[in-house]
C-alpha atoms as a PDB file:
ATOM      1  CA  MET A   1      21.041  60.867  89.238  1.00  0.00           C
ATOM      2  CA  LYS A   2      18.915  62.296  86.392  1.00  0.00           C
ATOM      3  CA  ILE A   3      17.346  59.865  83.973  1.00  0.00           C
ATOM      4  CA  LYS A   4      15.507  60.559  80.747  1.00  0.00           C
ATOM      5  CA  LEU A   5      12.527  58.256  80.431  1.00  0.00           C
ATOM      6  CA  PRO A   6      12.689  56.078  77.326  1.00  0.00           C
ATOM      7  CA  ASP A   7       9.843  56.550  74.873  1.00  0.00           C
ATOM      8  CA  SER A   8       8.685  53.004  75.637  1.00  0.00           C
ATOM      9  CA  ILE A   9       7.833  53.934  79.216  1.00  0.00           C
ATOM     10  CA  ILE A  10       4.482  55.630  78.771  1.00  0.00           C
ATOM     11  CA  SER A  11       2.389  55.068  81.877  1.00  0.00           C
ATOM     12  CA  ARG A  12       2.793  54.609  85.619  1.00  0.00           C
ATOM     13  CA  GLN A  13       2.358  50.846  85.037  1.00  0.00           C
ATOM     14  CA  ASP A  14       5.233  50.775  82.526  1.00  0.00           C
ATOM     15  CA  LEU A  15       7.417  52.641  85.000  1.00  0.00           C
ATOM     16  CA  ALA A  16       6.515  50.314  87.853  1.00  0.00           C
ATOM     17  CA  SER A  17       7.283  47.296  85.700  1.00  0.00           C
ATOM     18  CA  ALA A  18      10.708  48.706  84.727  1.00  0.00           C
ATOM     19  CA  ILE A  19      11.515  49.404  88.398  1.00  0.00           C
ATOM     20  CA  LEU A  20      10.687  45.838  89.372  1.00  0.00           C
ATOM     21  CA  GLU A  21      12.828  44.419  86.552  1.00  0.00           C
ATOM     22  CA  LEU A  22      15.744  46.644  87.588  1.00  0.00           C
ATOM     23  CA  GLN A  23      15.396  45.570  91.227  1.00  0.00           C
ATOM     24  CA  ASP A  24      15.490  41.871  90.246  1.00  0.00           C
ATOM     25  CA  TYR A  25      18.499  42.505  87.958  1.00  0.00           C
ATOM     26  CA  SER A  26      20.264  44.421  90.739  1.00  0.00           C
ATOM     27  CA  LYS A  27      19.723  41.524  93.146  1.00  0.00           C
ATOM     28  CA  TRP A  28      21.091  39.044  90.658  1.00  0.00           C
ATOM     29  CA  LEU A  29      24.106  41.255  89.898  1.00  0.00           C
ATOM     30  CA  SER A  30      24.825  41.597  93.614  1.00  0.00           C
ATOM     31  CA  HIS A  31      24.632  37.845  94.128  1.00  0.00           C
ATOM     32  CA  GLU A  32      26.949  37.217  91.144  1.00  0.00           C
ATOM     33  CA  SER A  33      29.432  39.715  92.528  1.00  0.00           C
ATOM     34  CA  ILE A  34      29.510  37.938  95.885  1.00  0.00           C
ATOM     35  CA  LYS A  35      29.915  34.545  94.204  1.00  0.00           C
ATOM     36  CA  LYS A  36      32.814  35.920  92.132  1.00  0.00           C
ATOM     37  CA  GLN A  37      34.518  37.271  95.258  1.00  0.00           C
ATOM     38  CA  LEU A  38      34.181  33.853  96.971  1.00  0.00           C
ATOM     39  CA  GLY A  39      35.610  32.122  93.886  1.00  0.00           C
ATOM     40  CA  SER A  40      32.489  30.206  92.992  1.00  0.00           C
ATOM     41  CA  LYS A  41      32.449  29.099  89.399  1.00  0.00           C
ATOM     42  CA  LYS A  42      28.746  28.299  89.360  1.00  0.00           C
ATOM     43  CA  GLY A  43      26.696  31.340  88.372  1.00  0.00           C
ATOM     44  CA  GLY A  44      22.977  31.834  88.564  1.00  0.00           C
ATOM     45  CA  ASP A  45      20.810  32.277  85.500  1.00  0.00           C
ATOM     46  CA  LYS A  46      20.744  35.848  84.387  1.00  0.00           C
ATOM     47  CA  PRO A  47      17.209  37.221  84.627  1.00  0.00           C
ATOM     48  CA  GLU A  48      15.536  38.151  81.362  1.00  0.00           C
ATOM     49  CA  ILE A  49      15.095  41.840  80.952  1.00  0.00           C
ATOM     50  CA  SER A  50      12.937  43.786  78.540  1.00  0.00           C
ATOM     51  CA  ALA A  51      14.330  45.952  75.759  1.00  0.00           C
ATOM     52  CA  THR A  52      13.259  49.019  77.758  1.00  0.00           C
ATOM     53  CA  VAL A  53      15.266  48.030  80.818  1.00  0.00           C
ATOM     54  CA  ALA A  54      18.213  47.045  78.632  1.00  0.00           C
ATOM     55  CA  GLU A  55      18.056  50.508  77.083  1.00  0.00           C
ATOM     56  CA  ILE A  56      18.047  52.158  80.513  1.00  0.00           C
ATOM     57  CA  ILE A  57      21.040  50.102  81.654  1.00  0.00           C
ATOM     58  CA  ARG A  58      22.929  50.822  78.426  1.00  0.00           C
ATOM     59  CA  SER A  59      22.194  54.535  78.389  1.00  0.00           C
ATOM     60  CA  THR A  60      23.273  55.017  82.007  1.00  0.00           C
ATOM     61  CA  GLU A  61      26.261  52.678  81.715  1.00  0.00           C
ATOM     62  CA  ALA A  62      25.172  50.847  84.836  1.00  0.00           C
ATOM     63  CA  ASP A  63      27.589  48.014  85.479  1.00  0.00           C
ATOM     64  CA  SER A  64      27.183  47.473  89.186  1.00  0.00           C
ATOM     65  CA  SER A  65      24.428  46.802  91.679  1.00  0.00           C
ATOM     66  CA  LYS A  66      25.059  50.182  93.283  1.00  0.00           C
ATOM     67  CA  LYS A  67      24.551  52.068  89.975  1.00  0.00           C
ATOM     68  CA  ILE A  68      21.371  50.113  89.249  1.00  0.00           C
ATOM     69  CA  THR A  69      20.076  50.924  92.728  1.00  0.00           C
ATOM     70  CA  ASP A  70      20.737  54.599  91.964  1.00  0.00           C
ATOM     71  CA  ILE A  71      18.718  54.243  88.752  1.00  0.00           C
ATOM     72  CA  VAL A  72      15.870  52.556  90.671  1.00  0.00           C
ATOM     73  CA  ASN A  73      15.858  55.441  93.160  1.00  0.00           C
ATOM     74  CA  ALA A  74      15.759  57.995  90.354  1.00  0.00           C
ATOM     75  CA  LEU A  75      12.867  56.165  88.658  1.00  0.00           C
ATOM     76  CA  GLN A  76      10.989  55.910  91.952  1.00  0.00           C
ATOM     77  CA  SER A  77      11.459  59.634  92.373  1.00  0.00           C
ATOM     78  CA  ILE A  78      10.004  60.207  88.899  1.00  0.00           C
ATOM     79  CA  GLN A  79       7.168  57.828  89.777  1.00  0.00           C
ATOM     80  CA  THR A  80       6.165  59.870  92.832  1.00  0.00           C
ATOM     81  CA  THR A  81       6.768  63.397  91.489  1.00  0.00           C
ATOM     82  CA  SER A  82       5.832  63.270  87.828  1.00  0.00           C
ATOM     83  CA  ARG A  83       2.587  64.620  86.489  1.00  0.00           C
ATOM     84  CA  SER A  84       0.270  62.467  84.486  1.00  0.00           C
ATOM     85  CA  ILE A  85      -2.222  63.026  81.707  1.00  0.00           C
ATOM     86  CA  ASN A  86      -5.063  60.797  80.547  1.00  0.00           C
ATOM     87  CA  PHE A  87      -6.530  60.564  77.073  1.00  0.00           C
ATOM     88  CA  THR A  88      -9.945  58.911  76.616  1.00  0.00           C
ATOM     89  CA  LEU A  89     -10.778  57.981  73.028  1.00  0.00           C
ATOM     90  CA  ALA A  90     -13.773  56.313  71.435  1.00  0.00           C
ATOM     91  CA  ALA A  91     -11.706  53.223  70.550  1.00  0.00           C
ATOM     92  CA  PRO A  92      -8.416  51.710  71.745  1.00  0.00           C
ATOM     93  CA  ALA A  93      -5.491  53.895  70.707  1.00  0.00           C
ATOM     94  CA  PRO A  94      -3.091  52.344  68.181  1.00  0.00           C
ATOM     95  CA  LEU A  95       0.597  52.325  69.130  1.00  0.00           C
ATOM     96  CA  SER A  96       1.395  54.941  66.464  1.00  0.00           C
ATOM     97  CA  LEU A  97      -1.095  57.428  67.996  1.00  0.00           C
ATOM     98  CA  LYS A  98       0.197  56.699  71.511  1.00  0.00           C
ATOM     99  CA  ALA A  99       3.752  57.384  70.359  1.00  0.00           C
ATOM    100  CA  VAL A 100       2.803  60.719  68.808  1.00  0.00           C
ATOM    101  CA  LEU A 101       0.803  61.875  71.818  1.00  0.00           C
ATOM    102  CA  VAL A 102       3.522  60.811  74.326  1.00  0.00           C
ATOM    103  CA  LYS A 103       6.209  62.564  72.232  1.00  0.00           C
ATOM    104  CA  TRP A 104       4.155  65.741  72.096  1.00  0.00           C
ATOM    105  CA  CYS A 105       3.391  65.682  75.839  1.00  0.00           C
ATOM    106  CA  ARG A 106       7.067  65.158  76.728  1.00  0.00           C
ATOM    107  CA  ALA A 107       8.190  67.953  74.443  1.00  0.00           C
ATOM    108  CA  ASN A 108       5.502  70.474  75.426  1.00  0.00           C
ATOM    109  CA  ILE A 109       4.458  69.690  78.978  1.00  0.00           C
ATOM    110  CA  SER A 110       7.238  67.843  80.821  1.00  0.00           C
ATOM    111  CA  PRO A 111       9.958  65.360  79.831  1.00  0.00           C
ATOM    112  CA  ASP A 112       8.891  63.083  82.705  1.00  0.00           C
ATOM    113  CA  ILE A 113       5.120  63.169  82.139  1.00  0.00           C
ATOM    114  CA  LEU A 114       3.346  59.810  82.297  1.00  0.00           C
ATOM    115  CA  VAL A 115       0.474  59.216  79.903  1.00  0.00           C
ATOM    116  CA  SER A 116      -2.412  56.849  80.210  1.00  0.00           C
ATOM    117  CA  PHE A 117      -4.994  55.884  77.583  1.00  0.00           C
ATOM    118  CA  ASP A 118      -8.574  54.748  78.048  1.00  0.00           C
ATOM    119  CA  PHE A 119     -11.364  54.183  75.633  1.00  0.00           C
ATOM    120  CA  ASN A 120     -15.083  54.740  75.984  1.00  0.00           C
ATOM    121  CA  SER A 121     -17.316  54.211  72.971  1.00  0.00           C
ATOM    122  CA  ASN A 122     -19.980  56.404  74.548  1.00  0.00           C
ATOM    123  CA  ILE A 123     -18.042  59.539  73.578  1.00  0.00           C
ATOM    124  CA  LEU A 124     -18.655  58.558  69.893  1.00  0.00           C
ATOM    125  CA  GLY A 125     -15.420  60.201  68.709  1.00  0.00           C
ATOM    126  CA  GLY A 126     -13.001  62.961  69.553  1.00  0.00           C
ATOM    127  CA  VAL A 127     -11.070  62.929  72.805  1.00  0.00           C
ATOM    128  CA  VAL A 128     -11.428  63.741  76.496  1.00  0.00           C
ATOM    129  CA  VAL A 129      -8.185  64.885  78.176  1.00  0.00           C
ATOM    130  CA  ARG A 130      -7.660  64.889  81.952  1.00  0.00           C
ATOM    131  CA  TYR A 131      -4.632  66.793  83.223  1.00  0.00           C
ATOM    132  CA  GLY A 132      -4.418  67.459  86.938  1.00  0.00           C
ATOM    133  CA  SER A 133      -7.786  68.754  88.046  1.00  0.00           C
ATOM    134  CA  ARG A 134      -8.774  69.933  84.556  1.00  0.00           C
ATOM    135  CA  ILE A 135     -10.899  68.089  82.031  1.00  0.00           C
ATOM    136  CA  PHE A 136     -10.971  69.108  78.381  1.00  0.00           C
ATOM    137  CA  ASP A 137     -13.877  67.459  76.572  1.00  0.00           C
ATOM    138  CA  TRP A 138     -13.602  67.543  72.770  1.00  0.00           C
ATOM    139  CA  SER A 139     -15.860  64.535  72.269  1.00  0.00           C
ATOM    140  CA  PHE A 140     -18.587  64.270  69.647  1.00  0.00           C
ATOM    141  CA  ARG A 141     -21.048  63.333  72.352  1.00  0.00           C
ATOM    142  CA  ARG A 142     -20.498  66.647  74.190  1.00  0.00           C
ATOM    143  CA  GLN A 143     -20.849  68.603  70.945  1.00  0.00           C
ATOM    144  CA  ILE A 144     -24.110  66.840  70.131  1.00  0.00           C
ATOM    145  CA  LEU A 145     -25.528  67.370  73.617  1.00  0.00           C
ATOM    146  CA  ALA A 146     -24.403  70.991  73.665  1.00  0.00           C
ATOM    147  CA  ASP A 147     -26.634  71.819  70.668  1.00  0.00           C
ATOM    148  CA  LYS A 148     -29.565  69.373  70.742  1.00  0.00           C
ATOM    149  CA  VAL A 149     -31.760  71.599  68.558  1.00  0.00           C
ATOM    150  CA  LYS A 150     -29.234  71.785  65.728  1.00  0.00           C
ATOM    151  CA  PHE A 151     -28.653  68.025  65.928  1.00  0.00           C
ATOM    152  CA  SER A 152     -32.368  67.219  65.676  1.00  0.00           C
ATOM    153  CA  GLU A 153     -32.658  69.618  62.693  1.00  0.00           C
ATOM    154  CA  VAL A 154     -29.847  67.776  60.916  1.00  0.00           C
ATOM    155  CA  LEU A 155     -31.539  64.417  61.621  1.00  0.00           C
ATOM    156  CA  ASN A 156     -34.911  65.737  60.278  1.00  0.00           C
ATOM    157  CA  ASN A 157     -33.234  66.805  57.029  1.00  0.00           C
ATOM    158  CA  VAL A 158     -31.655  63.402  56.438  1.00  0.00           C
END
């Protein structure tokens, strides 16, 4: 089964959380099916699911425990095989920026890429990107340290 990751699943943690929710929902659905077969009128409380998991269930038309198990297996496959990219910014990334970066990464790198965000005020500004074994450092700190003479000249002229 091939699943397109919803935009709300950004990182490995988001994916792991969705998998756990789906597993709980599958277990509940299986128990309810058995109760129905045995003629029990008393049903268990339906577990609360997030909007993300509801979207996955709706988009895949999963109406049985078996289908949800197939979705879980597909998501676990994505979890183990997908590439990931990390953005380090000087401040916490707002949701709007995260959405833009995730959309770009999924359109230009891989539809299943998982993105994580960190912040480190020591970089002063800009961004440091880690993808696989590569690091792309476009931080202000690196630019300042790369040309210390020019930076000290600018400070002397201020």
